[in-house]
Protein backbone atom coordinates (compact mmCIF):
# COMPACT_ATOMS: atom_id res chain seq x y z
CA MET A 1 -28.82 41.83 -17.93
CA LEU A 2 -31.16 41.47 -20.94
CA GLN A 3 -32.42 45.04 -20.37
CA LEU A 4 -28.88 46.39 -20.42
CA ALA A 5 -27.88 44.36 -23.48
CA LEU A 6 -30.93 45.47 -25.49
CA THR A 7 -30.41 49.10 -24.47
CA ILE A 8 -26.83 49.03 -25.76
CA ILE A 9 -27.71 47.20 -29.00
CA ILE A 10 -30.43 49.73 -29.84
CA TYR A 11 -27.97 52.55 -29.14
CA LEU A 12 -25.43 51.10 -31.59
CA LEU A 13 -28.11 50.94 -34.27
CA ILE A 14 -29.06 54.58 -33.70
CA VAL A 15 -25.61 56.14 -33.33
CA ILE A 16 -24.26 55.05 -36.74
CA PRO A 17 -26.69 57.04 -38.97
CA VAL A 18 -26.48 60.04 -36.62
CA GLY A 19 -22.68 59.86 -36.78
CA ARG A 20 -22.72 59.82 -40.58
CA TYR A 21 -25.10 62.81 -40.61
CA MET A 22 -22.83 64.70 -38.20
CA TYR A 23 -19.84 63.84 -40.38
CA HIS A 24 -21.52 65.41 -43.40
CA ILE A 25 -22.12 68.60 -41.42
CA ALA A 26 -18.56 68.72 -40.05
CA ALA A 27 -17.01 68.04 -43.46
CA GLY A 28 -19.29 70.51 -45.26
CA LYS A 29 -20.86 67.80 -47.39
CA HIS A 30 -24.38 67.75 -48.78
CA THR A 31 -27.29 66.68 -46.57
CA PHE A 32 -30.97 66.21 -47.38
CA ALA A 33 -31.91 69.26 -45.28
CA ASP A 34 -29.56 71.75 -46.99
CA PRO A 35 -32.26 73.55 -49.02
CA VAL A 36 -33.88 74.69 -45.77
CA PHE A 37 -30.91 75.13 -43.48
CA ASP A 38 -28.73 76.94 -46.04
CA ARG A 39 -31.26 79.77 -46.08
CA VAL A 40 -31.51 79.87 -42.29
CA ASP A 41 -27.73 79.86 -41.87
CA GLY A 42 -27.29 82.47 -44.59
CA LEU A 43 -29.68 84.84 -42.80
CA ILE A 44 -27.79 84.38 -39.51
CA TYR A 45 -24.44 85.05 -41.23
CA LYS A 46 -25.84 88.19 -42.85
CA ILE A 47 -27.24 89.58 -39.60
CA SER A 48 -24.09 88.70 -37.65
CA GLY A 49 -21.61 89.89 -40.28
CA VAL A 50 -19.95 86.47 -40.54
CA ASN A 51 -18.06 85.51 -43.68
CA PRO A 52 -18.60 81.74 -43.98
CA GLN A 53 -15.73 81.42 -46.46
CA ARG A 54 -13.14 82.82 -44.06
CA GLY A 55 -11.05 80.18 -42.33
CA MET A 56 -9.24 80.47 -38.99
CA ASN A 57 -6.02 79.10 -37.58
CA TRP A 58 -6.17 77.45 -34.16
CA LYS A 59 -5.36 80.65 -32.26
CA GLN A 60 -8.08 82.64 -34.01
CA TYR A 61 -10.53 79.78 -33.47
CA ALA A 62 -9.74 79.56 -29.74
CA LEU A 63 -9.99 83.36 -29.35
CA ALA A 64 -13.37 83.47 -31.11
CA LEU A 65 -14.63 80.61 -28.92
CA VAL A 66 -13.53 82.14 -25.61
CA GLY A 67 -14.60 85.66 -26.60
CA THR A 68 -18.09 84.59 -27.68
CA ASN A 69 -18.56 82.60 -24.48
CA ALA A 70 -17.39 85.56 -22.38
CA VAL A 71 -20.06 87.84 -23.86
CA MET A 72 -22.73 85.24 -23.15
CA VAL A 73 -21.49 84.86 -19.55
CA PHE A 74 -21.84 88.61 -18.96
CA ILE A 75 -25.39 88.76 -20.35
CA GLY A 76 -26.49 85.62 -18.51
CA TYR A 77 -25.09 86.84 -15.18
CA LEU A 78 -26.97 90.10 -15.57
CA ILE A 79 -30.27 88.31 -16.19
CA LEU A 80 -29.83 86.13 -13.08
CA ARG A 81 -29.17 89.21 -10.97
CA ILE A 82 -32.36 91.01 -12.12
CA GLN A 83 -34.72 88.06 -12.54
CA HIS A 84 -37.15 89.49 -9.95
CA ILE A 85 -38.78 91.54 -12.72
CA GLY A 86 -42.32 90.45 -13.54
CA LEU A 87 -41.57 89.15 -17.06
CA PHE A 88 -42.18 85.35 -17.18
CA ASN A 89 -42.04 85.17 -13.39
CA PRO A 90 -45.49 84.03 -12.21
CA ASN A 91 -44.05 82.46 -9.03
CA GLY A 92 -42.37 85.67 -7.87
CA ILE A 93 -38.78 84.34 -7.75
CA GLY A 94 -36.26 86.86 -6.43
CA ASP A 95 -32.77 87.78 -7.68
CA MET A 96 -29.98 85.24 -7.37
CA GLU A 97 -27.21 85.86 -4.81
CA PRO A 98 -23.91 87.09 -6.45
CA THR A 99 -21.66 84.06 -5.79
CA LEU A 100 -24.47 81.65 -6.66
CA ALA A 101 -25.11 83.60 -9.87
CA PHE A 102 -21.37 83.39 -10.67
CA ASN A 103 -21.36 79.63 -10.09
CA THR A 104 -24.54 79.14 -12.10
CA ILE A 105 -23.53 81.14 -15.17
CA VAL A 106 -20.05 79.58 -15.31
CA SER A 107 -21.63 76.17 -14.80
CA PHE A 108 -24.02 76.49 -17.73
CA MET A 109 -21.60 78.25 -20.08
CA THR A 110 -19.01 75.52 -19.54
CA ASN A 111 -21.63 72.83 -20.22
CA THR A 112 -21.30 71.60 -16.63
CA ASN A 113 -24.75 72.53 -15.31
CA LEU A 114 -23.80 71.93 -11.71
CA GLN A 115 -26.70 73.28 -9.65
CA HIS A 116 -26.19 74.74 -6.19
CA TYR A 117 -29.85 75.83 -6.27
CA SER A 118 -33.21 74.11 -6.70
CA GLY A 119 -34.60 74.90 -10.14
CA GLU A 120 -38.27 75.27 -9.28
CA SER A 121 -37.59 77.74 -6.44
CA GLY A 122 -34.38 79.43 -7.61
CA LEU A 123 -35.13 80.56 -11.16
CA SER A 124 -37.88 82.46 -12.95
CA TYR A 125 -39.18 81.14 -16.26
CA LEU A 126 -37.28 84.00 -17.94
CA SER A 127 -34.00 82.77 -16.45
CA GLN A 128 -34.85 79.16 -17.27
CA MET A 129 -35.29 80.09 -20.94
CA LEU A 130 -32.87 82.97 -21.66
CA VAL A 131 -30.05 81.68 -19.46
CA ILE A 132 -30.39 77.97 -18.74
CA ILE A 133 -31.97 76.60 -21.95
CA PHE A 134 -30.12 79.07 -24.19
CA MET A 135 -26.79 78.19 -22.58
CA MET A 136 -27.56 74.50 -22.98
CA PHE A 137 -27.75 75.02 -26.74
CA VAL A 138 -24.73 77.25 -27.26
CA SER A 139 -22.41 75.62 -24.73
CA ALA A 140 -23.00 72.20 -26.30
CA SER A 141 -22.56 73.61 -29.81
CA THR A 142 -19.36 75.32 -28.65
CA GLY A 143 -17.92 72.03 -27.43
CA TYR A 144 -18.85 70.16 -30.58
CA ALA A 145 -17.43 72.99 -32.71
CA ALA A 146 -14.11 72.73 -30.86
CA CYS A 147 -14.15 68.96 -31.40
CA VAL A 148 -14.76 69.36 -35.13
CA ALA A 149 -11.90 71.88 -35.41
CA PHE A 150 -9.67 69.49 -33.45
CA ILE A 151 -10.50 66.63 -35.85
CA ARG A 152 -9.78 68.84 -38.86
CA GLY A 153 -6.37 69.62 -37.38
CA LEU A 154 -5.58 65.94 -36.84
CA ALA A 155 -6.77 65.01 -40.32
CA GLY A 156 -4.39 67.66 -41.65
CA ARG A 157 -5.99 68.58 -44.96
CA THR A 158 -4.52 72.11 -44.75
CA LYS A 159 -1.63 73.73 -42.87
CA GLU A 160 -3.56 76.52 -41.13
CA ASN A 161 -7.34 76.35 -41.57
CA VAL A 162 -9.23 74.49 -38.83
CA GLY A 163 -12.53 76.02 -39.92
CA ASN A 164 -14.57 79.02 -38.83
CA PHE A 165 -15.87 78.92 -35.25
CA PHE A 166 -18.94 81.02 -35.98
CA VAL A 167 -19.90 78.85 -38.95
CA ASP A 168 -19.43 75.66 -36.94
CA LEU A 169 -21.45 77.08 -34.05
CA VAL A 170 -24.33 78.05 -36.32
CA ARG A 171 -24.37 74.84 -38.37
CA ILE A 172 -24.28 72.55 -35.33
CA THR A 173 -27.01 74.53 -33.60
CA THR A 174 -29.38 74.83 -36.56
CA ARG A 175 -28.81 71.43 -38.16
CA ILE A 176 -28.37 69.20 -35.08
CA MET A 177 -29.34 70.77 -31.77
CA ILE A 178 -32.58 72.52 -32.71
CA PRO A 179 -34.21 69.89 -34.96
CA PHE A 180 -33.22 66.99 -32.70
CA SER A 181 -34.52 68.92 -29.68
CA ILE A 182 -37.87 69.63 -31.33
CA VAL A 183 -38.43 65.94 -32.11
CA GLY A 184 -37.20 64.77 -28.70
CA GLY A 185 -39.17 67.46 -26.85
CA LEU A 186 -42.41 66.43 -28.55
CA LEU A 187 -41.72 62.81 -27.60
CA LEU A 188 -41.31 63.84 -23.96
CA VAL A 189 -44.53 65.88 -24.04
CA TRP A 190 -46.22 62.77 -25.47
CA GLN A 191 -44.99 60.86 -22.41
CA GLY A 192 -46.40 63.47 -20.01
CA VAL A 193 -43.60 65.99 -19.39
CA PRO A 194 -45.15 69.49 -18.86
CA GLN A 195 -44.48 72.32 -21.32
CA ASN A 196 -46.28 75.54 -20.37
CA PHE A 197 -45.87 78.97 -18.78
CA ILE A 198 -48.46 78.78 -16.01
CA ALA A 199 -47.72 79.24 -12.31
CA ASN A 200 -47.12 76.30 -9.98
CA THR A 201 -50.26 74.37 -9.08
CA VAL A 202 -51.30 73.93 -5.43
CA VAL A 203 -53.35 70.78 -4.79
CA THR A 204 -54.86 69.04 -1.77
CA THR A 205 -53.59 65.50 -1.25
CA ILE A 206 -55.60 62.49 -0.05
CA GLU A 207 -54.24 63.11 3.46
CA GLY A 208 -55.63 66.64 3.35
CA THR A 209 -52.28 68.45 3.14
CA LYS A 210 -51.24 71.01 0.53
CA GLN A 211 -48.70 70.14 -2.16
CA ILE A 212 -47.10 72.37 -4.80
CA ILE A 213 -46.73 70.84 -8.28
CA ALA A 214 -44.19 72.62 -10.44
CA GLN A 215 -45.11 73.83 -13.91
CA GLY A 216 -43.22 75.57 -16.71
CA PRO A 217 -41.28 74.83 -19.91
CA ILE A 218 -39.93 71.56 -18.50
CA ALA A 219 -39.89 69.47 -21.70
CA ALA A 220 -37.87 72.07 -23.61
CA LEU A 221 -35.18 72.02 -20.94
CA GLU A 222 -35.25 68.25 -20.51
CA ILE A 223 -34.46 67.37 -24.09
CA ILE A 224 -31.59 69.81 -24.63
CA LYS A 225 -30.07 69.03 -21.23
CA HIS A 226 -29.66 65.43 -22.41
CA LEU A 227 -29.01 66.00 -26.10
CA GLY A 228 -26.33 68.60 -25.34
CA THR A 229 -24.92 66.47 -22.47
CA ASN A 230 -25.67 69.44 -20.25
CA GLY A 231 -27.23 67.92 -17.15
CA GLY A 232 -28.90 69.90 -14.44
CA GLY A 233 -32.65 69.92 -14.21
CA PHE A 234 -35.72 72.12 -14.19
CA LEU A 235 -36.52 70.63 -10.79
CA GLY A 236 -34.21 69.95 -7.88
CA ALA A 237 -34.89 66.20 -7.97
CA ASN A 238 -33.81 66.14 -11.63
CA SER A 239 -34.82 63.21 -13.85
CA SER A 240 -35.82 61.08 -10.87
CA THR A 241 -39.06 63.06 -10.57
CA PRO A 242 -42.07 61.99 -12.70
CA LEU A 243 -42.46 65.57 -13.94
CA GLU A 244 -39.12 65.33 -15.75
CA ASN A 245 -39.04 61.59 -16.43
CA PRO A 246 -42.48 59.99 -16.02
CA THR A 247 -42.13 56.61 -17.78
CA ILE A 248 -39.64 53.98 -18.90
CA LEU A 249 -40.05 55.30 -22.46
CA SER A 250 -39.15 58.84 -21.40
CA ASN A 251 -36.19 57.34 -19.53
CA LEU A 252 -34.96 55.68 -22.74
CA ILE A 253 -35.51 58.87 -24.74
CA GLU A 254 -33.37 60.80 -22.26
CA LEU A 255 -30.80 58.01 -22.08
CA TYR A 256 -30.29 57.83 -25.84
CA SER A 257 -30.35 61.62 -26.16
CA MET A 258 -27.29 61.98 -23.96
CA MET A 259 -25.47 59.04 -25.60
CA ILE A 260 -26.08 59.83 -29.25
CA LEU A 261 -23.90 62.84 -30.09
CA PRO A 262 -20.74 61.88 -28.13
CA GLY A 263 -20.76 58.53 -29.92
CA ALA A 264 -21.45 60.29 -33.23
CA CYS A 265 -18.32 62.41 -32.70
CA VAL A 266 -16.18 59.27 -32.73
CA ILE A 267 -17.77 58.17 -36.01
CA THR A 268 -17.17 61.66 -37.43
CA PHE A 269 -13.51 61.41 -36.38
CA GLY A 270 -13.09 58.03 -38.07
CA LYS A 271 -14.75 59.18 -41.29
CA MET A 272 -12.74 62.41 -41.55
CA VAL A 273 -9.44 60.61 -40.92
CA LEU A 274 -10.41 58.04 -43.54
CA ASP A 275 -11.16 60.85 -46.01
CA SER A 276 -7.72 62.31 -45.32
CA LYS A 277 -6.00 58.99 -45.99
CA ARG A 278 -7.89 58.54 -49.24
CA ALA A 279 -7.06 62.09 -50.36
CA ARG A 280 -3.34 61.55 -49.68
CA ALA A 281 -3.39 58.24 -51.51
CA ALA A 282 -5.13 59.82 -54.49
CA GLY A 283 -2.62 62.69 -54.54
CA GLN A 284 0.26 60.23 -54.63
CA ASN A 285 -1.44 58.02 -57.24
CA GLU A 286 -1.58 55.20 -54.73
CA GLN A 287 -4.39 52.96 -53.59
CA ALA A 288 -5.64 53.56 -50.04
CA ASP A 289 -5.12 50.68 -47.62
CA THR A 290 -8.29 48.58 -47.84
CA LYS A 291 -7.09 45.29 -46.41
CA ASP A 292 -9.62 45.47 -43.57
CA ARG A 293 -12.97 45.16 -45.28
CA SER A 294 -15.07 44.70 -42.14
CA LEU A 295 -18.44 46.41 -42.03
CA VAL A 296 -17.50 48.51 -39.00
CA SER A 297 -14.32 49.78 -40.66
CA ARG A 298 -16.20 50.77 -43.80
CA ILE A 299 -18.81 52.63 -41.77
CA ILE A 300 -16.68 54.58 -39.31
CA GLY A 301 -13.07 54.04 -40.36
CA ARG A 302 -10.51 51.96 -38.52
CA GLU A 303 -9.20 54.82 -36.38
CA GLY A 304 -12.73 55.60 -35.25
CA ARG A 305 -13.37 51.92 -34.58
CA THR A 306 -10.31 51.72 -32.30
CA ILE A 307 -11.30 54.76 -30.23
CA PHE A 308 -14.94 53.63 -30.02
CA LEU A 309 -13.84 50.16 -28.89
CA ALA A 310 -11.54 51.54 -26.17
CA MET A 311 -14.28 53.80 -24.85
CA GLY A 312 -16.80 50.97 -25.03
CA ILE A 313 -14.60 48.60 -23.03
CA ILE A 314 -14.20 51.10 -20.19
CA PHE A 315 -17.92 51.89 -20.25
CA LEU A 316 -18.93 48.22 -20.05
CA ILE A 317 -16.51 47.55 -17.20
CA GLY A 318 -17.95 50.46 -15.23
CA LEU A 319 -21.54 49.48 -16.00
CA SER A 320 -20.90 45.90 -14.88
CA VAL A 321 -19.33 46.98 -11.58
CA CYS A 322 -22.13 49.48 -10.85
CA PHE A 323 -24.91 47.00 -11.68
CA TRP A 324 -23.27 44.20 -9.67
CA SER A 325 -22.64 46.41 -6.65
CA GLU A 326 -26.17 47.78 -6.53
CA SER A 327 -27.60 44.28 -6.98
CA GLN A 328 -25.78 43.04 -3.86
CA GLY A 329 -27.81 45.25 -1.56
CA ASN A 330 -26.67 46.92 1.64
CA PRO A 331 -25.40 44.60 4.43
CA ALA A 332 -26.14 47.25 7.06
CA LEU A 333 -29.83 47.09 6.15
CA GLU A 334 -29.80 43.30 6.17
CA GLN A 335 -28.55 43.36 9.76
CA VAL A 336 -31.68 45.24 10.87
CA GLY A 337 -33.96 42.77 9.11
CA LEU A 338 -34.69 44.60 5.82
CA ASP A 339 -34.92 42.37 2.74
CA GLN A 340 -32.12 43.11 0.25
CA SER A 341 -32.90 40.36 -2.25
CA MET A 342 -33.91 43.00 -4.85
CA GLY A 343 -30.64 44.85 -4.33
CA SER A 344 -30.11 48.33 -2.96
CA MET A 345 -33.22 50.32 -3.88
CA GLU A 346 -32.42 53.28 -1.63
CA GLY A 347 -32.61 56.51 -3.64
CA LYS A 348 -33.94 54.76 -6.75
CA GLU A 349 -37.28 54.94 -8.52
CA VAL A 350 -39.24 51.67 -8.51
CA ARG A 351 -40.33 52.27 -12.12
CA PHE A 352 -36.69 52.10 -13.23
CA GLY A 353 -35.22 49.51 -10.87
CA ILE A 354 -31.59 48.48 -10.43
CA ALA A 355 -30.76 47.88 -14.10
CA GLN A 356 -31.95 51.17 -15.59
CA SER A 357 -30.67 53.13 -12.59
CA ALA A 358 -27.19 51.61 -13.00
CA MET A 359 -27.34 52.26 -16.75
CA PHE A 360 -28.38 55.88 -16.27
CA THR A 361 -25.76 56.43 -13.56
CA THR A 362 -22.91 55.04 -15.66
CA THR A 363 -24.08 56.82 -18.80
CA THR A 364 -24.60 60.26 -17.28
CA THR A 365 -21.06 60.33 -15.87
CA SER A 366 -19.40 58.58 -18.82
CA PHE A 367 -21.01 60.92 -21.34
CA THR A 368 -20.51 63.81 -18.84
CA THR A 369 -24.17 64.82 -18.84
CA GLY A 370 -24.83 65.17 -15.13
CA THR A 371 -28.54 64.40 -15.14
CA VAL A 372 -29.67 61.71 -12.68
CA ASN A 373 -32.67 59.37 -12.40
CA ASN A 374 -31.59 58.23 -8.93
CA MET A 375 -29.71 59.85 -6.07
CA HIS A 376 -25.98 59.12 -6.43
CA ASP A 377 -25.38 59.96 -2.77
CA THR A 378 -27.32 56.79 -1.84
CA LEU A 379 -25.39 54.43 -4.14
CA THR A 380 -23.37 51.65 -2.58
CA PRO A 381 -19.67 52.56 -2.17
CA LEU A 382 -18.48 50.68 -5.27
CA GLY A 383 -21.58 51.69 -7.21
CA GLY A 384 -20.80 55.32 -6.38
CA MET A 385 -17.13 54.85 -7.24
CA VAL A 386 -17.98 54.06 -10.88
CA PRO A 387 -19.47 57.48 -11.75
CA LEU A 388 -16.74 59.13 -9.67
CA LEU A 389 -13.98 57.26 -11.51
CA HIS A 390 -15.47 57.88 -14.95
CA MET A 391 -15.55 61.60 -14.30
CA MET A 392 -11.95 61.40 -13.14
CA LEU A 393 -11.04 59.59 -16.38
CA ASN A 394 -13.16 61.98 -18.52
CA VAL A 395 -12.52 59.90 -21.66
CA VAL A 396 -15.44 57.44 -21.74
CA PHE A 397 -17.20 59.03 -24.74
CA GLY A 398 -17.57 62.23 -22.70
CA GLY A 399 -19.91 65.05 -23.60
CA LYS A 400 -19.93 67.65 -26.38
CA GLY A 401 -16.94 66.00 -28.10
CA VAL A 402 -14.63 66.48 -25.12
CA GLY A 403 -14.37 62.76 -24.39
CA LEU A 404 -13.01 62.12 -27.89
CA MET A 405 -10.49 64.96 -27.59
CA ASN A 406 -9.31 63.68 -24.21
CA MET A 407 -9.03 60.09 -25.46
CA ILE A 408 -6.87 61.31 -28.34
CA MET A 409 -4.52 62.77 -25.71
CA TYR A 410 -4.17 59.30 -24.22
CA ALA A 411 -3.70 57.84 -27.70
CA ILE A 412 -0.78 60.24 -28.26
CA LEU A 413 0.60 59.25 -24.86
CA ALA A 414 0.19 55.56 -25.74
CA VAL A 415 2.08 55.83 -29.04
CA PHE A 416 4.82 57.79 -27.28
CA ILE A 417 5.24 55.07 -24.62
CA CYS A 418 5.18 52.31 -27.24
CA GLY A 419 7.63 54.27 -29.38
CA LEU A 420 10.07 54.42 -26.48
CA MET A 421 9.77 50.65 -26.06
CA ILE A 422 10.75 49.89 -29.66
CA GLY A 423 13.19 52.79 -30.08
CA ARG A 424 11.27 54.72 -32.76
CA THR A 425 9.91 58.23 -33.04
CA PRO A 426 6.22 57.90 -32.19
CA GLU A 427 3.69 58.60 -34.93
CA TYR A 428 -0.06 59.15 -34.83
CA LEU A 429 -2.29 59.52 -37.88
CA GLY A 430 0.77 59.77 -40.08
CA LYS A 431 2.42 62.61 -38.14
CA LYS A 432 5.48 62.44 -35.89
CA ILE A 433 4.83 63.12 -32.22
CA GLU A 434 7.71 65.25 -30.97
CA GLY A 435 8.65 67.28 -27.91
CA ARG A 436 6.16 70.13 -28.38
CA GLU A 437 3.19 67.81 -28.77
CA MET A 438 4.22 65.65 -25.81
CA LYS A 439 4.65 68.66 -23.51
CA LEU A 440 1.23 69.98 -24.45
CA THR A 441 -0.32 66.52 -24.12
CA ALA A 442 1.20 65.98 -20.68
CA LEU A 443 0.01 69.42 -19.57
CA CYS A 444 -3.52 68.73 -20.84
CA ILE A 445 -3.71 65.37 -19.07
CA ILE A 446 -2.29 66.73 -15.80
CA ILE A 447 -4.68 69.70 -15.55
CA HIS A 448 -7.71 67.51 -14.83
CA PRO A 449 -6.38 65.61 -11.77
CA LEU A 450 -4.65 68.77 -10.56
CA LEU A 451 -7.96 70.62 -10.37
CA ILE A 452 -9.77 67.73 -8.67
CA LEU A 453 -7.13 66.86 -6.08
CA SER A 454 -5.93 70.38 -5.25
CA PHE A 455 -9.43 71.77 -4.68
CA SER A 456 -10.40 68.64 -2.71
CA ALA A 457 -7.33 69.09 -0.51
CA LEU A 458 -8.25 72.72 0.04
CA ALA A 459 -11.83 71.81 0.95
CA VAL A 460 -10.80 69.35 3.67
CA ALA A 461 -8.14 71.73 5.01
CA VAL A 462 -10.09 74.94 5.62
CA PRO A 463 -13.15 75.51 7.86
CA ALA A 464 -15.26 76.92 5.00
CA GLY A 465 -14.87 73.67 3.11
CA LEU A 466 -15.40 71.40 6.10
CA GLU A 467 -18.68 73.16 6.92
CA GLY A 468 -20.21 71.76 3.71
CA ILE A 469 -19.40 68.13 4.50
CA THR A 470 -22.49 66.49 6.01
CA ASN A 471 -20.97 63.02 6.47
CA PRO A 472 -17.97 62.82 8.82
CA GLY A 473 -16.85 59.37 7.58
CA PHE A 474 -15.31 58.07 4.37
CA HIS A 475 -18.43 59.07 2.48
CA GLY A 476 -17.73 62.71 3.32
CA LEU A 477 -14.47 62.58 1.38
CA SER A 478 -16.30 60.91 -1.50
CA GLN A 479 -18.75 63.84 -1.53
CA VAL A 480 -15.88 66.31 -1.83
CA LEU A 481 -14.08 64.32 -4.54
CA TYR A 482 -17.33 63.93 -6.46
CA GLU A 483 -18.04 67.66 -6.35
CA TYR A 484 -14.72 68.67 -7.87
CA ALA A 485 -14.52 65.69 -10.26
CA SER A 486 -17.96 66.70 -11.55
CA SER A 487 -16.86 70.33 -11.87
CA ALA A 488 -13.51 69.68 -13.56
CA ALA A 489 -15.06 67.13 -15.95
CA ASN A 490 -17.89 69.59 -16.74
CA ASN A 491 -20.37 66.91 -15.69
CA GLY A 492 -22.65 68.58 -13.15
CA SER A 493 -24.06 65.67 -11.16
CA GLY A 494 -23.39 65.57 -7.43
CA PHE A 495 -23.46 63.63 -4.20
CA GLU A 496 -26.27 65.84 -3.04
CA GLY A 497 -25.48 65.32 0.64
CA LEU A 498 -22.93 68.14 0.31
CA ALA A 499 -24.05 71.57 1.59
CA ASP A 500 -22.53 73.33 -1.41
CA ASN A 501 -24.46 76.62 -1.67
CA SER A 502 -21.89 78.76 0.16
CA TYR A 503 -19.29 81.32 -0.82
CA PHE A 504 -16.49 78.75 -0.64
CA TRP A 505 -18.16 76.02 -2.68
CA ASN A 506 -19.72 78.40 -5.22
CA ILE A 507 -16.40 80.09 -6.00
CA THR A 508 -14.06 77.08 -5.92
CA ALA A 509 -16.40 74.87 -7.95
CA GLY A 510 -16.87 77.75 -10.42
CA LEU A 511 -13.10 78.05 -10.88
CA ALA A 512 -12.75 74.28 -11.33
CA MET A 513 -15.44 74.34 -14.03
CA PHE A 514 -13.89 77.32 -15.82
CA PHE A 515 -10.32 76.01 -15.94
CA GLY A 516 -11.46 72.44 -16.61
CA ARG A 517 -13.31 73.61 -19.70
CA TYR A 518 -11.22 76.28 -21.39
CA LEU A 519 -7.63 75.32 -20.56
CA SER A 520 -8.15 71.84 -22.01
CA ILE A 521 -9.84 73.09 -25.19
CA ILE A 522 -7.14 75.70 -25.87
CA ILE A 523 -4.30 73.20 -25.34
CA GLN A 524 -5.99 70.57 -27.51
CA LEU A 525 -6.51 73.08 -30.33
CA ALA A 526 -2.83 74.01 -29.98
CA ILE A 527 -1.85 70.33 -30.39
CA ALA A 528 -4.06 70.03 -33.47
CA GLY A 529 -2.56 73.25 -34.85
CA SER A 530 0.95 71.90 -34.33
CA LEU A 531 0.25 68.52 -35.94
CA MET A 532 -1.51 69.91 -38.99
CA LYS A 533 1.61 71.84 -40.02
CA LYS A 534 3.73 68.68 -40.12
CA ARG A 535 4.34 66.56 -43.15
CA PHE A 536 2.85 63.11 -43.35
CA VAL A 537 5.39 60.34 -42.98
CA SER A 538 5.26 57.06 -44.85
CA GLU A 539 4.40 53.92 -42.94
CA SER A 540 7.08 51.28 -42.50
CA VAL A 541 7.39 47.87 -40.86
CA GLY A 542 8.30 49.62 -37.60
CA THR A 543 5.27 51.89 -37.57
CA LEU A 544 2.91 51.25 -34.66
CA LYS A 545 -0.54 50.49 -36.03
CA THR A 546 -3.08 52.64 -34.15
CA GLU A 547 -6.18 51.29 -35.87
CA THR A 548 -6.04 47.77 -34.48
CA VAL A 549 -7.91 46.03 -31.68
CA SER A 550 -4.63 45.50 -29.84
CA PHE A 551 -4.01 49.27 -29.77
CA ALA A 552 -7.51 49.75 -28.30
CA VAL A 553 -6.55 47.37 -25.49
CA ILE A 554 -3.25 49.25 -24.99
CA LEU A 555 -5.23 52.48 -24.80
CA VAL A 556 -7.52 51.08 -22.11
CA PHE A 557 -4.54 49.98 -20.01
CA VAL A 558 -2.83 53.38 -20.38
CA VAL A 559 -6.00 55.15 -19.19
CA TYR A 560 -6.42 52.86 -16.19
CA ILE A 561 -2.73 53.00 -15.24
CA PHE A 562 -2.76 56.78 -15.30
CA ALA A 563 -5.95 56.79 -13.21
CA ALA A 564 -4.38 54.42 -10.69
CA LEU A 565 -1.27 56.55 -10.36
CA THR A 566 -3.20 59.78 -9.82
CA PHE A 567 -6.50 58.92 -8.16
CA PHE A 568 -6.11 55.60 -6.33
CA PRO A 569 -4.89 57.12 -3.01
CA ALA A 570 -7.92 59.42 -2.90
CA LEU A 571 -10.32 56.64 -3.90
CA ALA A 572 -8.78 54.34 -1.29
CA LEU A 573 -9.61 56.87 1.42
CA GLY A 574 -13.14 57.39 0.10
CA PRO A 575 -15.36 54.78 -1.59
CA ILE A 576 -12.95 51.83 -1.26
CA ALA A 577 -12.49 52.34 2.49
CA GLU A 578 -16.26 52.82 2.86
CA HIS A 579 -16.92 49.55 1.02
CA LEU A 580 -14.44 47.58 3.14
CA THR A 581 -15.90 49.04 6.32
CA LEU A 582 -19.48 48.35 5.29
CA TRP A 583 -18.88 44.74 4.29
CA SER A 584 -16.58 43.92 7.21
C-alpha cells in the first residue's frame, strides 16, 4: 500500500509542471524553449507549405486530421508489405500478410497498437522505425491536437477558429513528444534497455541449449510507446521482459511516461477555461470569480480540478479492487497445496510483485496505453475485470487526450440530467446545452459500447470467431470482450490466450479500432464547434455549479450507472461468473 501511495504522490508532483508547460504550448504562450523550437517549426512550415496564421473551423480541422492520417496509413501499409527488402533487416524478416498488415497499420495509426504478431519475429528494423515508432509519434500528436482543438471550442474565445491542425501536430511533436522521448529513452538505456541495429544474438545457456536474444532499437520504441500512450511492444512479451523493462526504476519511468500527458491534458483544460472566464470578466469590466482560493484551483482551475478528481476517484477504486483481488491468491491453487500467501503471482514478474503489477495493469488500461508488465490473461477474475471495465468506460484519464474528451461527454450528460431534475435548461462552461449537443453527445457515448458488444456478439456467433477462443468457459467470453474493448478504446492490450491472428479477428478488430478512433473525434469536434458559436449566459442562483466536488461525485455516479446499464450483463457472464465459480 505504501508503494502505491508513494507512486501516486510522485505522479501528482510531476504532472502539474508538465500540465502547465503543455498549457503554454496549447495556448500559444511563451516557453523557455521557444528560441530553438520556433526555428525548427518555422522550417517545417516552410517545407510543408503550412501557413501557421491560418485558422480552421471544426470541419476543416477534422478533414485535415483524417486526411493526413489516411496518407500515413497508405505509406505504412506499403512498407509492411515490402519489408523483406534488405534495408535494416539483418534477421531476414519476410513481408507481412495482407489482413495482418491492415490490422497493424490501422492499429498504430489509431494509437491502439494492438499486436496480432510478435514484434521480434514479425517486423524488420525498417518497419519498427518507419512504421511503428513513427506512427507512435504522429498518432499520439494527432490525438493531443484534437484534444487541444476540442478545449479551444469549449473555452469559446472565437466563433469559428479551433486552431490549425498542422500547427498543433508540429508543435506537440517537436516541443513535447521528441524532447521528452529523448530524455526518457536515455534513462531507459541507462537502466539497460538495448538501443542498436545489430542482428539477434544467439547464446548457449548453462543447460547447453541455444537461446536467441533480441536486439534492435528497443529503447526508442519503449519510451514513445509509453509517452504517447501507444502500447504494443518491440518484443512479444512486452514490458514484462527484462529487455524492455529490466528494473524497478525502468518500470517507474515507463509508468510515469504513460500517466504524464493524459493528466497534463486535464490541467491544460482547466487553465484554458480559466483564461476564458477571466477574459470575459475583463471584457465586461467585472471581476472574475475568485472565491475559491485553494492552491489546486489556482494551479489548474476549478473545472480542471473537478474533472481530475472524478477521474482520480474511478482510478483509485479500480486500483484498489485489482490490488485486493490479486493479493487474495487463487483458491484453485490452494486446493492442490500451493502456497498463496503472497497472492496470485501467476503471469507476474517477481521483480515487480503484486503492487507494481496491479498499478501497471490499472494504469495501462485507464490511460489507454496497452503496454503490460504482466500477463493480463492470468489475472484473477476480478483483477482482470478492472482493466476490462476501465477500457469499457474509456474516461479514466485515457490516452492522447481522448479520456478528457470522453469525460466531458459525460459531464454534458450529467448537467442535462441534473437540469431535468430542477426544471432548467442545462448549462456547461457558460453555454446552454440544447437538442443538437445532446443528440451528438448521446451518439458519441453510444458508439463505444455498440462497437464492443456488437463485435463480441458476432465473434461468439460465427465459426470464424469461435475458432479463436482458446478457453471454453467464462474466461473465453472475457477474452472476446477484452479484445474488442481494447480495440474500441484504442488501448491495445489483450488477454493473450486469444488466437487472434486470423482473417476474422484481424479485420473485425481493425474496424473496431478505426471507428472507435475517428467517429468519436469527429463528433466531439462537432460538439465543440456547436458550443463555441453560442453566446455565454450569465450565472444565476439556479445554475448548476460544475466546478465543485459534489459535481465530481455526480460525474462518477453517472459514469458507473451508464456502465452498469450497458456492460453489466456481459461482465456478469464473463469475469463475475468466473469469480463466483472459482471461489465457490
